[in-house]
Amino acid sequence: MITEQSTTIKRIFCEVLGVDESEVNDSTSYNSFKPWDSLKHLQLVSMYEDKFDIEFEMDDIIAMENFGLVKDIVTRYIQEK
């Protein structure tokens, strides 16, 4: 089941990277997805922090290596608020 929260996480991801949602799945990774560079990674972090009123630890920012991990980490922070 896809939640509104998961939909928002994916929408932000695709908006920042400038790609269609059909191009992204849980295994979409930083190392192999050309639109996802270091600047876009920082923009993603900033957008998630602003949208969900959270603040990531540096280790978690670094751990966001694929979209599945991004979803898991963002969701964990939202639940811990």
C-alpha atoms as a PDB file:
ATOM      1  CA  MET A   1       0.000   0.000   0.000  1.00  0.00           C
ATOM      2  CA  ILE A   2       1.359   3.399  -0.978  1.00  0.00           C
ATOM      3  CA  THR A   3       0.817   6.083   1.615  1.00  0.00           C
ATOM      4  CA  GLU A   4       0.426   9.807   1.033  1.00  0.00           C
ATOM      5  CA  GLN A   5       3.774  10.233   2.767  1.00  0.00           C
ATOM      6  CA  SER A   6       5.509   7.835   0.341  1.00  0.00           C
ATOM      7  CA  THR A   7       3.900   9.626  -2.586  1.00  0.00           C
ATOM      8  CA  THR A   8       5.184  12.969  -1.301  1.00  0.00           C
ATOM      9  CA  ILE A   9       8.693  11.588  -0.794  1.00  0.00           C
ATOM     10  CA  LYS A  10       8.766  10.316  -4.384  1.00  0.00           C
ATOM     11  CA  ARG A  11       7.219  13.496  -5.799  1.00  0.00           C
ATOM     12  CA  ILE A  12       9.906  15.635  -4.130  1.00  0.00           C
ATOM     13  CA  PHE A  13      12.642  13.255  -5.312  1.00  0.00           C
ATOM     14  CA  CYS A  14      11.464  13.445  -8.921  1.00  0.00           C
ATOM     15  CA  GLU A  15      10.872  17.202  -8.779  1.00  0.00           C
ATOM     16  CA  VAL A  16      14.400  17.901  -7.522  1.00  0.00           C
ATOM     17  CA  LEU A  17      16.023  15.531 -10.022  1.00  0.00           C
ATOM     18  CA  GLY A  18      13.793  16.712 -12.874  1.00  0.00           C
ATOM     19  CA  VAL A  19      12.636  13.228 -13.856  1.00  0.00           C
ATOM     20  CA  ASP A  20       9.321  11.452 -14.307  1.00  0.00           C
ATOM     21  CA  GLU A  21       8.127   9.195 -11.493  1.00  0.00           C
ATOM     22  CA  SER A  22       8.173   6.234 -13.885  1.00  0.00           C
ATOM     23  CA  GLU A  23      11.980   6.555 -14.075  1.00  0.00           C
ATOM     24  CA  VAL A  24      12.444   5.969 -10.331  1.00  0.00           C
ATOM     25  CA  ASN A  25      12.163   2.798  -8.247  1.00  0.00           C
ATOM     26  CA  ASP A  26      13.647   1.648  -4.942  1.00  0.00           C
ATOM     27  CA  SER A  27      16.875   0.520  -6.593  1.00  0.00           C
ATOM     28  CA  THR A  28      17.522   3.828  -8.375  1.00  0.00           C
ATOM     29  CA  SER A  29      20.967   4.641  -7.021  1.00  0.00           C
ATOM     30  CA  TYR A  30      23.153   7.684  -6.677  1.00  0.00           C
ATOM     31  CA  ASN A  31      26.065   6.042  -8.495  1.00  0.00           C
ATOM     32  CA  SER A  32      24.161   4.959 -11.598  1.00  0.00           C
ATOM     33  CA  PHE A  33      21.445   7.606 -12.095  1.00  0.00           C
ATOM     34  CA  LYS A  34      22.917  10.539 -14.009  1.00  0.00           C
ATOM     35  CA  PRO A  35      20.432  13.220 -12.818  1.00  0.00           C
ATOM     36  CA  TRP A  36      21.371  12.478  -9.180  1.00  0.00           C
ATOM     37  CA  ASP A  37      24.598  14.361  -8.534  1.00  0.00           C
ATOM     38  CA  SER A  38      26.052  15.812  -5.334  1.00  0.00           C
ATOM     39  CA  LEU A  39      24.262  19.150  -5.701  1.00  0.00           C
ATOM     40  CA  LYS A  40      20.912  17.432  -6.299  1.00  0.00           C
ATOM     41  CA  HIS A  41      21.586  15.237  -3.261  1.00  0.00           C
ATOM     42  CA  LEU A  42      21.953  18.317  -1.056  1.00  0.00           C
ATOM     43  CA  GLN A  43      18.830  19.837  -2.595  1.00  0.00           C
ATOM     44  CA  LEU A  44      16.921  16.636  -1.790  1.00  0.00           C
ATOM     45  CA  VAL A  45      18.065  16.769   1.823  1.00  0.00           C
ATOM     46  CA  SER A  46      17.037  20.416   2.100  1.00  0.00           C
ATOM     47  CA  MET A  47      13.616  19.838   0.527  1.00  0.00           C
ATOM     48  CA  TYR A  48      12.848  16.884   2.807  1.00  0.00           C
ATOM     49  CA  GLU A  49      13.975  18.782   5.888  1.00  0.00           C
ATOM     50  CA  ASP A  50      11.816  21.785   4.960  1.00  0.00           C
ATOM     51  CA  LYS A  51       8.744  19.794   3.913  1.00  0.00           C
ATOM     52  CA  PHE A  52       8.674  17.442   6.902  1.00  0.00           C
ATOM     53  CA  ASP A  53      10.293  19.756   9.500  1.00  0.00           C
ATOM     54  CA  ILE A  54      13.112  17.301  10.230  1.00  0.00           C
ATOM     55  CA  GLU A  55      16.901  17.517  10.422  1.00  0.00           C
ATOM     56  CA  PHE A  56      19.071  14.652   9.207  1.00  0.00           C
ATOM     57  CA  GLU A  57      22.270  13.437  10.821  1.00  0.00           C
ATOM     58  CA  MET A  58      25.273  13.482   8.479  1.00  0.00           C
ATOM     59  CA  ASP A  59      25.569   9.663   8.559  1.00  0.00           C
ATOM     60  CA  ASP A  60      22.008   9.352   7.288  1.00  0.00           C
ATOM     61  CA  ILE A  61      22.591  11.896   4.520  1.00  0.00           C
ATOM     62  CA  ILE A  62      25.555   9.832   3.348  1.00  0.00           C
ATOM     63  CA  ALA A  63      23.557   6.589   3.667  1.00  0.00           C
ATOM     64  CA  MET A  64      20.958   7.780   1.132  1.00  0.00           C
ATOM     65  CA  GLU A  65      22.520   5.742  -1.689  1.00  0.00           C
ATOM     66  CA  ASN A  66      19.325   4.680  -3.452  1.00  0.00           C
ATOM     67  CA  PHE A  67      15.698   5.749  -3.509  1.00  0.00           C
ATOM     68  CA  GLY A  68      14.598   2.875  -1.269  1.00  0.00           C
ATOM     69  CA  LEU A  69      17.015   4.026   1.431  1.00  0.00           C
ATOM     70  CA  VAL A  70      15.909   7.635   0.956  1.00  0.00           C
ATOM     71  CA  LYS A  71      12.305   6.581   1.622  1.00  0.00           C
ATOM     72  CA  ASP A  72      13.286   4.506   4.660  1.00  0.00           C
ATOM     73  CA  ILE A  73      15.434   7.227   6.211  1.00  0.00           C
ATOM     74  CA  VAL A  74      12.962  10.053   5.595  1.00  0.00           C
ATOM     75  CA  THR A  75      10.115   7.919   6.964  1.00  0.00           C
ATOM     76  CA  ARG A  76      12.119   7.057  10.094  1.00  0.00           C
ATOM     77  CA  TYR A  77      12.795  10.735  10.801  1.00  0.00           C
ATOM     78  CA  ILE A  78       9.146  11.639  10.292  1.00  0.00           C
ATOM     79  CA  GLN A  79       8.049   8.895  12.694  1.00  0.00           C
ATOM     80  CA  GLU A  80      10.608   9.959  15.316  1.00  0.00           C
ATOM     81  CA  LYS A  81       9.387  13.582  15.338  1.00  0.00           C
END
